[in-house]
Amino acid sequence: MSIFRSLKGALGGNSAHQMDEVEREDVESVRRALAYGDVEARWNAIRAAGELGDAFIDPLVNALKDEHWIVRRGAGETLARIGLPAVPPLIEMLGSEDESVRQEAMRACARAGEPAVDSLIRALSRENPAIRRGAAEILGEMQVQAATGPLIETLKDSDPGVRREAAAALKLLGSEEAIAPLISLLGDESGYVRISAAEALCSLGGRSIDPLVAALAHPQPEIRQRAGLALASIGTLAVEPLIAALSHGDSLVRQGAAGVLGRIGDPRAIPGLIRVLGDKERKVRQEAVRALAALGYPAITPLVAAFREGDVVVRNCTMEALWLIGGPATRPLLELLSDQNSEVRRRTALLLGEIGDAAAVDGLTRLLSDQVPSVRREGFEALEKIRKKQGEGSLGTGPVPRQPDQDPEKQGEGKKPGSW
């Protein structure tokens, strides 16, 4: 502490003349303490060196490599107070192989504030990728809006670590200008870069939804897929735009929107998903089926209604969705066994057989006396299928007699969902 007090008293001003008058012995004592003193001496020397400003930048930068964190931290804080003159050597330290040194240099650059900004932006073009990475991270932490353009350019960097840090920085800046470049980055070869880009897009919330919906039709399948995952991560905020996208002119958008709505699981999507069960594109219908099945119980009643009233295409799709939902759909379906339309009764029996819930046995048994032969046959096959699924004799209704109009040679395992 005597060194610190002596220097402070000697430095009454900042002119070169006054600096020349500083007690040279004390200055040399500071240098020696920084290089060779114990921890306490080095710490006190750092505090004293801060009073000397530019003259002690190099020793302070070297102190960032000190084995004791408190010395490294003190050196970094002192360099940050010195400001602009200390920034270039601090940026050089971003390329250190020692992680603790890099971290202290980054912290010091960030604390230096506005004077460091221009140097950090220029550092995005340095040859050393570690310096580029560090500069991108610092600019993001400082939330320097002026760095948005340079960081967007840095998304094209040859080093994946630099691209990742640039995407992470743009997340913190929150600029809409970055949305399109970040979407392109969803197709990056590096998984870490893709994750960083997706997180940045999700953080933009509502502002990124429309571009992400448009990306569901991107020529690159991996970008389509990851745009969907980003929308699913955004969640309920994306539901209404996705419902609107079910009517998009591009089938890829409709397909992607249906899939995302299934992942989000918001019941508001059910009417729109039911509607696209009649889409002209098979892949769109398939995605809607999976989405409705994922929505589960809330989708059952609308699906049963569509199954009863829809055309052949819609019925096939609703059957598959209800089959995927399984047991919870059984009781609502039982009501259709008395529908006036024999085709509805027949298909309901088929579906109940595929679901295999024993709760359907009584209703299917009554179907054995239906006036329409095809309905009776389907009821019989459904009962046989349930019996096999539940285990022989476990249904509690006794053996089911073979129908007189059923050819024993044609009895089998029933119809698979793919044949509906």
Protein backbone atom coordinates (compact mmCIF):
# COMPACT_ATOMS: atom_id res chain seq x y z
CA MET A 1 0.00 0.00 0.00
CA SER A 2 2.98 2.36 0.53
CA ILE A 3 3.80 2.07 -3.16
CA PHE A 4 0.25 3.03 -4.09
CA ARG A 5 0.21 6.06 -1.75
CA SER A 6 3.65 7.21 -2.92
CA LEU A 7 2.71 7.06 -6.59
CA LYS A 8 -0.61 8.72 -6.03
CA GLY A 9 1.11 11.60 -4.30
CA ALA A 10 3.73 11.88 -7.01
CA LEU A 11 1.15 12.00 -9.82
CA GLY A 12 -0.43 15.36 -9.23
CA GLY A 13 -1.00 15.88 -12.97
CA ASN A 14 -0.93 14.11 -16.31
CA SER A 15 1.69 16.02 -18.33
CA ALA A 16 4.85 14.40 -19.63
CA HIS A 17 6.88 16.78 -17.46
CA GLN A 18 5.04 15.68 -14.35
CA MET A 19 5.44 12.02 -15.35
CA ASP A 20 9.17 12.58 -15.61
CA GLU A 21 9.13 13.79 -12.05
CA VAL A 22 7.55 10.61 -10.70
CA GLU A 23 9.85 8.95 -8.25
CA ARG A 24 11.53 6.46 -10.53
CA GLU A 25 12.36 4.16 -7.71
CA ASP A 26 8.67 3.69 -6.88
CA VAL A 27 7.83 3.10 -10.56
CA GLU A 28 10.44 0.38 -10.75
CA SER A 29 9.08 -1.07 -7.51
CA VAL A 30 5.68 -1.41 -9.17
CA ARG A 31 7.21 -3.15 -12.17
CA ARG A 32 9.14 -5.54 -9.96
CA ALA A 33 6.10 -6.27 -7.82
CA LEU A 34 4.00 -7.05 -10.91
CA ALA A 35 6.62 -9.46 -12.16
CA TYR A 36 8.05 -11.04 -9.02
CA GLY A 37 6.04 -10.13 -5.93
CA ASP A 38 3.72 -12.37 -3.96
CA VAL A 39 -0.03 -12.26 -4.55
CA GLU A 40 -0.63 -9.32 -2.23
CA ALA A 41 2.26 -7.38 -3.72
CA ARG A 42 1.06 -8.02 -7.26
CA TRP A 43 -2.45 -6.94 -6.33
CA ASN A 44 -1.22 -3.69 -4.75
CA ALA A 45 1.05 -3.09 -7.74
CA ILE A 46 -1.92 -3.43 -10.09
CA ARG A 47 -3.83 -0.82 -8.12
CA ALA A 48 -0.83 1.48 -8.26
CA ALA A 49 -0.27 0.86 -11.97
CA GLY A 50 -3.77 2.05 -12.69
CA GLU A 51 -2.68 5.53 -11.65
CA LEU A 52 0.05 5.50 -14.29
CA GLY A 53 -2.30 4.84 -17.22
CA ASP A 54 -0.70 4.05 -20.58
CA ALA A 55 2.75 3.56 -19.14
CA PHE A 56 1.80 0.27 -17.50
CA ILE A 57 -0.46 -1.30 -20.12
CA ASP A 58 2.00 -4.02 -21.15
CA PRO A 59 2.75 -5.20 -17.59
CA LEU A 60 -0.97 -5.22 -16.84
CA VAL A 61 -1.70 -7.26 -19.97
CA ASN A 62 0.96 -9.73 -18.87
CA ALA A 63 -0.74 -9.86 -15.47
CA LEU A 64 -3.80 -11.32 -17.21
CA LYS A 65 -1.76 -14.54 -17.38
CA ASP A 66 -1.20 -14.61 -13.62
CA GLU A 67 -1.84 -17.92 -11.88
CA HIS A 68 -4.14 -16.27 -9.31
CA TRP A 69 -7.57 -15.23 -10.50
CA ILE A 70 -7.73 -12.20 -8.21
CA VAL A 71 -4.62 -10.78 -9.88
CA ARG A 72 -6.02 -11.51 -13.34
CA ARG A 73 -9.31 -9.89 -12.41
CA GLY A 74 -7.58 -6.83 -10.97
CA ALA A 75 -5.44 -6.44 -14.08
CA GLY A 76 -8.49 -6.69 -16.32
CA GLU A 77 -10.44 -4.12 -14.32
CA THR A 78 -7.50 -1.74 -14.35
CA LEU A 79 -7.08 -2.10 -18.13
CA ALA A 80 -10.79 -1.44 -18.58
CA ARG A 81 -10.42 1.83 -16.65
CA ILE A 82 -7.49 2.86 -18.82
CA GLY A 83 -9.85 2.54 -21.79
CA LEU A 84 -9.00 2.97 -25.47
CA PRO A 85 -5.18 2.66 -25.25
CA ALA A 86 -5.59 -0.74 -23.58
CA VAL A 87 -8.06 -2.14 -26.14
CA PRO A 88 -5.64 -3.31 -28.90
CA PRO A 89 -3.50 -5.48 -26.59
CA LEU A 90 -6.66 -6.80 -24.92
CA ILE A 91 -8.00 -7.85 -28.32
CA GLU A 92 -4.74 -9.67 -28.98
CA MET A 93 -5.27 -11.60 -25.77
CA LEU A 94 -8.58 -12.91 -27.14
CA GLY A 95 -6.42 -15.27 -29.18
CA SER A 96 -4.73 -16.77 -26.11
CA GLU A 97 -4.83 -20.54 -25.75
CA ASP A 98 -5.56 -20.11 -22.05
CA GLU A 99 -9.32 -19.89 -21.49
CA SER A 100 -8.96 -17.95 -18.24
CA VAL A 101 -6.84 -15.34 -20.02
CA ARG A 102 -9.37 -15.02 -22.84
CA GLN A 103 -12.21 -14.61 -20.36
CA GLU A 104 -10.46 -11.81 -18.48
CA ALA A 105 -9.57 -10.07 -21.74
CA MET A 106 -13.18 -10.30 -22.90
CA ARG A 107 -14.45 -8.98 -19.59
CA ALA A 108 -12.02 -6.06 -19.74
CA CYS A 109 -12.98 -5.19 -23.33
CA ALA A 110 -16.66 -5.21 -22.43
CA ARG A 111 -16.07 -3.02 -19.38
CA ALA A 112 -14.04 -0.58 -21.46
CA GLY A 113 -17.33 0.24 -23.16
CA GLU A 114 -17.81 2.56 -26.12
CA PRO A 115 -14.09 3.22 -26.75
CA ALA A 116 -13.62 -0.47 -27.56
CA VAL A 117 -16.46 -0.79 -30.10
CA ASP A 118 -14.68 0.20 -33.32
CA SER A 119 -11.68 -1.99 -32.53
CA LEU A 120 -13.95 -4.94 -31.74
CA ILE A 121 -15.88 -4.56 -35.00
CA ARG A 122 -12.60 -4.50 -36.92
CA ALA A 123 -11.51 -7.59 -34.98
CA LEU A 124 -14.34 -9.54 -36.65
CA SER A 125 -12.08 -9.63 -39.71
CA ARG A 126 -8.88 -10.70 -37.94
CA GLU A 127 -7.03 -13.76 -39.20
CA ASN A 128 -7.16 -15.59 -35.87
CA PRO A 129 -10.60 -17.23 -35.48
CA ALA A 130 -10.31 -17.11 -31.68
CA ILE A 131 -10.09 -13.31 -31.87
CA ARG A 132 -13.08 -13.19 -34.23
CA ARG A 133 -15.08 -15.41 -31.87
CA GLY A 134 -14.22 -13.31 -28.86
CA ALA A 135 -15.02 -10.05 -30.62
CA ALA A 136 -18.43 -11.35 -31.71
CA GLU A 137 -19.26 -12.51 -28.20
CA ILE A 138 -18.23 -9.19 -26.63
CA LEU A 139 -20.22 -7.13 -29.15
CA GLY A 140 -23.28 -9.22 -28.35
CA GLU A 141 -22.84 -8.83 -24.60
CA MET A 142 -22.40 -5.09 -25.03
CA GLN A 143 -25.52 -5.05 -27.27
CA VAL A 144 -23.84 -2.79 -29.80
CA GLN A 145 -26.53 -2.13 -32.40
CA ALA A 146 -23.95 -0.66 -34.77
CA ALA A 147 -22.40 -4.14 -34.95
CA THR A 148 -25.53 -5.74 -36.44
CA GLY A 149 -24.38 -5.47 -40.07
CA PRO A 150 -20.83 -6.71 -39.43
CA LEU A 151 -22.16 -9.59 -37.32
CA ILE A 152 -24.57 -10.59 -40.10
CA GLU A 153 -21.58 -10.72 -42.46
CA THR A 154 -19.75 -12.81 -39.87
CA LEU A 155 -22.49 -15.46 -40.16
CA LYS A 156 -20.67 -16.43 -43.38
CA ASP A 157 -17.34 -16.94 -41.59
CA SER A 158 -15.37 -20.06 -42.50
CA ASP A 159 -15.01 -21.02 -38.84
CA PRO A 160 -18.13 -22.64 -37.30
CA GLY A 161 -17.27 -21.30 -33.86
CA VAL A 162 -17.27 -17.76 -35.22
CA ARG A 163 -20.61 -18.32 -36.97
CA ARG A 164 -22.06 -19.68 -33.74
CA GLU A 165 -20.90 -16.69 -31.68
CA ALA A 166 -22.16 -14.27 -34.33
CA ALA A 167 -25.60 -15.89 -34.20
CA ALA A 168 -25.57 -15.78 -30.40
CA ALA A 169 -24.62 -12.09 -30.51
CA LEU A 170 -27.43 -11.31 -32.95
CA LYS A 171 -29.83 -13.00 -30.55
CA LEU A 172 -28.83 -10.46 -27.90
CA LEU A 173 -29.13 -7.57 -30.35
CA GLY A 174 -32.65 -8.63 -31.38
CA SER A 175 -32.58 -7.04 -34.84
CA GLU A 176 -35.17 -8.05 -37.46
CA GLU A 177 -32.50 -7.42 -40.07
CA ALA A 178 -30.84 -10.66 -38.96
CA ILE A 179 -33.88 -12.93 -39.42
CA ALA A 180 -33.33 -14.00 -43.04
CA PRO A 181 -29.58 -14.68 -42.60
CA LEU A 182 -30.31 -16.65 -39.43
CA ILE A 183 -32.89 -18.77 -41.24
CA SER A 184 -30.27 -19.60 -43.87
CA LEU A 185 -28.00 -20.69 -41.04
CA LEU A 186 -30.52 -23.39 -40.06
CA GLY A 187 -28.96 -25.42 -42.86
CA ASP A 188 -25.41 -25.03 -41.51
CA GLU A 189 -23.21 -28.12 -41.44
CA SER A 190 -22.46 -27.55 -37.74
CA GLY A 191 -25.08 -28.58 -35.22
CA TYR A 192 -23.87 -25.97 -32.74
CA VAL A 193 -24.33 -23.24 -35.35
CA ARG A 194 -27.84 -24.46 -36.20
CA ILE A 195 -28.82 -24.48 -32.52
CA SER A 196 -27.44 -20.98 -32.01
CA ALA A 197 -29.35 -19.70 -35.07
CA ALA A 198 -32.58 -21.37 -33.94
CA GLU A 199 -32.25 -19.89 -30.45
CA ALA A 200 -31.72 -16.44 -31.95
CA LEU A 201 -34.82 -16.80 -34.12
CA CYS A 202 -36.92 -18.03 -31.20
CA SER A 203 -35.80 -15.10 -29.08
CA LEU A 204 -37.22 -12.72 -31.70
CA GLY A 205 -40.67 -14.20 -31.05
CA GLY A 206 -43.48 -12.79 -33.14
CA ARG A 207 -41.15 -10.90 -35.44
CA SER A 208 -39.63 -14.11 -36.79
CA ILE A 209 -42.86 -16.10 -37.21
CA ASP A 210 -43.84 -15.04 -40.74
CA PRO A 211 -40.33 -15.54 -42.16
CA LEU A 212 -40.13 -18.94 -40.45
CA VAL A 213 -43.52 -19.95 -41.87
CA ALA A 214 -42.27 -18.96 -45.32
CA ALA A 215 -39.15 -21.07 -44.67
CA LEU A 216 -41.38 -24.15 -44.39
CA ALA A 217 -41.24 -24.12 -48.21
CA HIS A 218 -37.45 -23.65 -48.39
CA PRO A 219 -35.71 -25.75 -51.09
CA GLN A 220 -33.44 -27.31 -48.44
CA PRO A 221 -35.32 -29.98 -46.45
CA GLU A 222 -33.14 -29.44 -43.38
CA ILE A 223 -34.04 -25.75 -43.28
CA ARG A 224 -37.74 -26.61 -43.61
CA GLN A 225 -37.45 -29.06 -40.73
CA ARG A 226 -35.56 -26.69 -38.45
CA ALA A 227 -37.82 -23.77 -39.25
CA GLY A 228 -40.65 -25.98 -38.03
CA LEU A 229 -38.78 -26.80 -34.84
CA ALA A 230 -38.14 -23.10 -34.24
CA LEU A 231 -41.83 -22.33 -34.69
CA ALA A 232 -42.73 -25.12 -32.29
CA SER A 233 -40.34 -23.62 -29.75
CA ILE A 234 -41.98 -20.21 -30.14
CA GLY A 235 -45.21 -22.00 -29.20
CA THR A 236 -48.66 -20.49 -28.73
CA LEU A 237 -47.64 -17.16 -30.24
CA ALA A 238 -47.21 -18.96 -33.57
CA VAL A 239 -50.54 -20.84 -33.52
CA GLU A 240 -52.75 -18.32 -35.35
CA PRO A 241 -50.21 -17.66 -38.15
CA LEU A 242 -49.76 -21.42 -38.54
CA ILE A 243 -53.52 -21.99 -38.74
CA ALA A 244 -53.63 -19.37 -41.49
CA ALA A 245 -50.75 -21.17 -43.21
CA LEU A 246 -52.92 -24.30 -43.53
CA SER A 247 -54.56 -22.45 -46.43
CA HIS A 248 -51.27 -21.43 -48.06
CA GLY A 249 -50.89 -22.01 -51.78
CA ASP A 250 -47.69 -24.01 -51.31
CA SER A 251 -48.30 -27.55 -50.12
CA LEU A 252 -44.94 -27.61 -48.33
CA VAL A 253 -46.10 -24.73 -46.15
CA ARG A 254 -49.41 -26.47 -45.42
CA GLN A 255 -47.61 -29.69 -44.59
CA GLY A 256 -45.08 -27.97 -42.35
CA ALA A 257 -47.73 -25.88 -40.61
CA ALA A 258 -49.78 -28.98 -39.80
CA GLY A 259 -46.75 -30.71 -38.34
CA VAL A 260 -45.81 -27.75 -36.17
CA LEU A 261 -49.36 -27.36 -34.89
CA GLY A 262 -49.24 -30.98 -33.80
CA ARG A 263 -46.03 -30.34 -31.87
CA ILE A 264 -47.42 -27.23 -30.19
CA GLY A 265 -50.62 -29.07 -29.20
CA ASP A 266 -52.99 -26.10 -29.05
CA PRO A 267 -56.68 -27.16 -29.48
CA ARG A 268 -57.35 -23.99 -31.47
CA ALA A 269 -55.73 -25.75 -34.41
CA ILE A 270 -58.25 -28.63 -34.52
CA PRO A 271 -60.82 -27.13 -36.95
CA GLY A 272 -58.11 -26.11 -39.39
CA LEU A 273 -56.43 -29.50 -39.18
CA ILE A 274 -59.76 -31.27 -39.73
CA ARG A 275 -60.26 -29.15 -42.83
CA VAL A 276 -56.93 -30.15 -44.39
CA LEU A 277 -57.75 -33.84 -43.98
CA GLY A 278 -59.36 -33.30 -47.37
CA ASP A 279 -56.27 -31.63 -48.87
CA LYS A 280 -55.40 -32.72 -52.39
CA GLU A 281 -51.83 -33.51 -51.32
CA ARG A 282 -51.35 -36.81 -49.52
CA LYS A 283 -48.39 -35.60 -47.44
CA VAL A 284 -50.43 -32.69 -46.14
CA ARG A 285 -53.21 -35.07 -45.11
CA GLN A 286 -50.73 -37.39 -43.42
CA GLU A 287 -49.22 -34.55 -41.41
CA ALA A 288 -52.69 -33.39 -40.35
CA VAL A 289 -53.53 -36.93 -39.23
CA ARG A 290 -50.41 -37.09 -37.07
CA ALA A 291 -51.09 -33.64 -35.66
CA LEU A 292 -54.66 -34.48 -34.69
CA ALA A 293 -53.54 -37.74 -33.12
CA ALA A 294 -50.94 -35.81 -31.12
CA LEU A 295 -53.65 -33.42 -29.90
CA GLY A 296 -55.45 -36.45 -28.48
CA TYR A 297 -58.68 -36.24 -26.52
CA PRO A 298 -59.79 -32.71 -27.56
CA ALA A 299 -59.65 -33.83 -31.20
CA ILE A 300 -61.84 -36.93 -30.81
CA THR A 301 -65.31 -35.37 -31.10
CA PRO A 302 -64.41 -33.27 -34.18
CA LEU A 303 -62.74 -36.30 -35.74
CA VAL A 304 -65.77 -38.51 -35.13
CA ALA A 305 -67.99 -35.86 -36.73
CA ALA A 306 -65.69 -35.63 -39.75
CA PHE A 307 -65.57 -39.41 -39.97
CA ARG A 308 -69.36 -39.52 -40.12
CA GLU A 309 -69.88 -36.64 -42.53
CA GLY A 310 -66.75 -36.47 -44.68
CA ASP A 311 -66.01 -37.92 -48.08
CA VAL A 312 -63.96 -41.06 -48.61
CA VAL A 313 -60.63 -39.25 -48.35
CA VAL A 314 -61.58 -37.49 -45.12
CA ARG A 315 -63.01 -40.68 -43.63
CA ASN A 316 -59.81 -42.57 -44.33
CA CYS A 317 -57.77 -39.85 -42.67
CA THR A 318 -60.04 -39.56 -39.64
CA MET A 319 -59.96 -43.33 -39.22
CA GLU A 320 -56.19 -43.27 -39.08
CA ALA A 321 -56.14 -40.38 -36.60
CA LEU A 322 -58.70 -42.05 -34.34
CA TRP A 323 -56.79 -45.33 -34.56
CA LEU A 324 -53.62 -43.51 -33.47
CA ILE A 325 -55.48 -41.94 -30.53
CA GLY A 326 -56.69 -45.42 -29.59
CA GLY A 327 -58.76 -46.36 -26.53
CA PRO A 328 -60.08 -42.89 -25.64
CA ALA A 329 -61.85 -42.80 -29.01
CA THR A 330 -63.80 -46.02 -28.41
CA ARG A 331 -66.90 -44.72 -26.61
CA PRO A 332 -67.55 -41.80 -29.00
CA LEU A 333 -67.23 -44.24 -31.90
CA LEU A 334 -69.74 -46.67 -30.40
CA GLU A 335 -72.49 -44.13 -31.08
CA LEU A 336 -71.81 -44.47 -34.81
CA LEU A 337 -72.64 -48.18 -34.77
CA SER A 338 -76.31 -47.15 -34.97
CA ASP A 339 -75.79 -44.56 -37.72
CA GLN A 340 -78.28 -44.70 -40.60
CA ASN A 341 -75.45 -44.88 -43.11
CA SER A 342 -74.35 -48.50 -43.43
CA GLU A 343 -70.91 -47.46 -44.69
CA VAL A 344 -70.39 -45.45 -41.50
CA ARG A 345 -71.39 -48.47 -39.42
CA ARG A 346 -69.10 -50.76 -41.40
CA ARG A 347 -66.08 -48.49 -41.14
CA THR A 348 -66.75 -47.86 -37.45
CA ALA A 349 -66.70 -51.60 -36.82
CA LEU A 350 -63.47 -51.92 -38.75
CA LEU A 351 -61.90 -49.09 -36.74
CA LEU A 352 -63.05 -50.45 -33.39
CA GLY A 353 -61.51 -53.78 -34.28
CA GLU A 354 -58.20 -52.10 -35.05
CA ILE A 355 -58.28 -50.14 -31.79
CA GLY A 356 -58.97 -53.37 -29.95
CA ASP A 357 -60.70 -51.98 -26.85
CA ALA A 358 -62.88 -54.55 -25.05
CA ALA A 359 -65.38 -51.77 -24.27
CA ALA A 360 -66.57 -52.10 -27.87
CA VAL A 361 -67.62 -55.75 -27.59
CA ASP A 362 -71.30 -55.25 -26.65
CA GLY A 363 -71.88 -52.71 -29.40
CA LEU A 364 -70.15 -54.86 -31.99
CA THR A 365 -72.09 -57.92 -30.88
CA ARG A 366 -75.36 -56.10 -31.58
CA LEU A 367 -73.99 -55.37 -35.04
CA LEU A 368 -74.07 -59.09 -35.84
CA SER A 369 -77.82 -58.74 -36.46
CA ASP A 370 -77.43 -55.74 -38.79
CA GLN A 371 -79.51 -55.91 -41.98
CA VAL A 372 -76.47 -55.24 -44.20
CA PRO A 373 -74.19 -58.27 -44.75
CA SER A 374 -70.99 -56.23 -45.11
CA VAL A 375 -71.69 -54.56 -41.76
CA ARG A 376 -72.29 -57.92 -40.08
CA ARG A 377 -69.05 -59.29 -41.52
CA GLU A 378 -67.09 -56.26 -40.35
CA GLY A 379 -68.64 -56.54 -36.88
CA PHE A 380 -67.71 -60.20 -36.71
CA GLU A 381 -64.12 -59.57 -37.83
CA ALA A 382 -63.80 -56.73 -35.32
CA LEU A 383 -64.92 -59.00 -32.49
CA GLU A 384 -62.47 -61.66 -33.58
CA LYS A 385 -59.70 -59.12 -33.69
CA ILE A 386 -60.52 -57.80 -30.21
CA ARG A 387 -60.69 -61.36 -28.89
CA LYS A 388 -57.21 -62.07 -30.18
CA LYS A 389 -55.83 -58.81 -28.81
CA GLN A 390 -57.43 -59.26 -25.40
CA GLY A 391 -56.71 -62.97 -25.13
CA GLU A 392 -59.04 -65.92 -25.74
CA GLY A 393 -62.00 -66.01 -23.34
CA SER A 394 -61.21 -62.64 -21.74
CA LEU A 395 -64.10 -60.71 -23.27
CA GLY A 396 -66.75 -62.24 -21.02
CA THR A 397 -69.31 -62.77 -23.81
CA GLY A 398 -68.61 -66.37 -24.75
CA PRO A 399 -67.60 -67.54 -28.20
CA VAL A 400 -68.68 -65.36 -31.09
CA PRO A 401 -70.48 -67.50 -33.67
CA ARG A 402 -69.31 -67.36 -37.26
CA GLN A 403 -71.74 -65.51 -39.50
CA PRO A 404 -73.61 -67.65 -42.02
CA ASP A 405 -72.58 -65.36 -44.87
CA GLN A 406 -68.93 -65.27 -43.82
CA ASP A 407 -66.62 -67.55 -45.77
CA PRO A 408 -64.34 -69.24 -43.18
CA GLU A 409 -61.50 -69.27 -45.69
CA LYS A 410 -61.62 -65.47 -45.87
CA GLN A 411 -61.37 -64.92 -42.14
CA GLY A 412 -58.01 -63.50 -41.25
CA GLU A 413 -56.34 -60.94 -39.19
CA GLY A 414 -58.58 -58.12 -40.41
CA LYS A 415 -57.63 -55.02 -42.35
CA LYS A 416 -54.54 -52.98 -41.63
CA PRO A 417 -54.81 -49.22 -41.23
CA GLY A 418 -52.91 -48.75 -44.46
CA SER A 419 -55.72 -50.41 -46.42
CA TRP A 420 -58.44 -48.03 -45.26
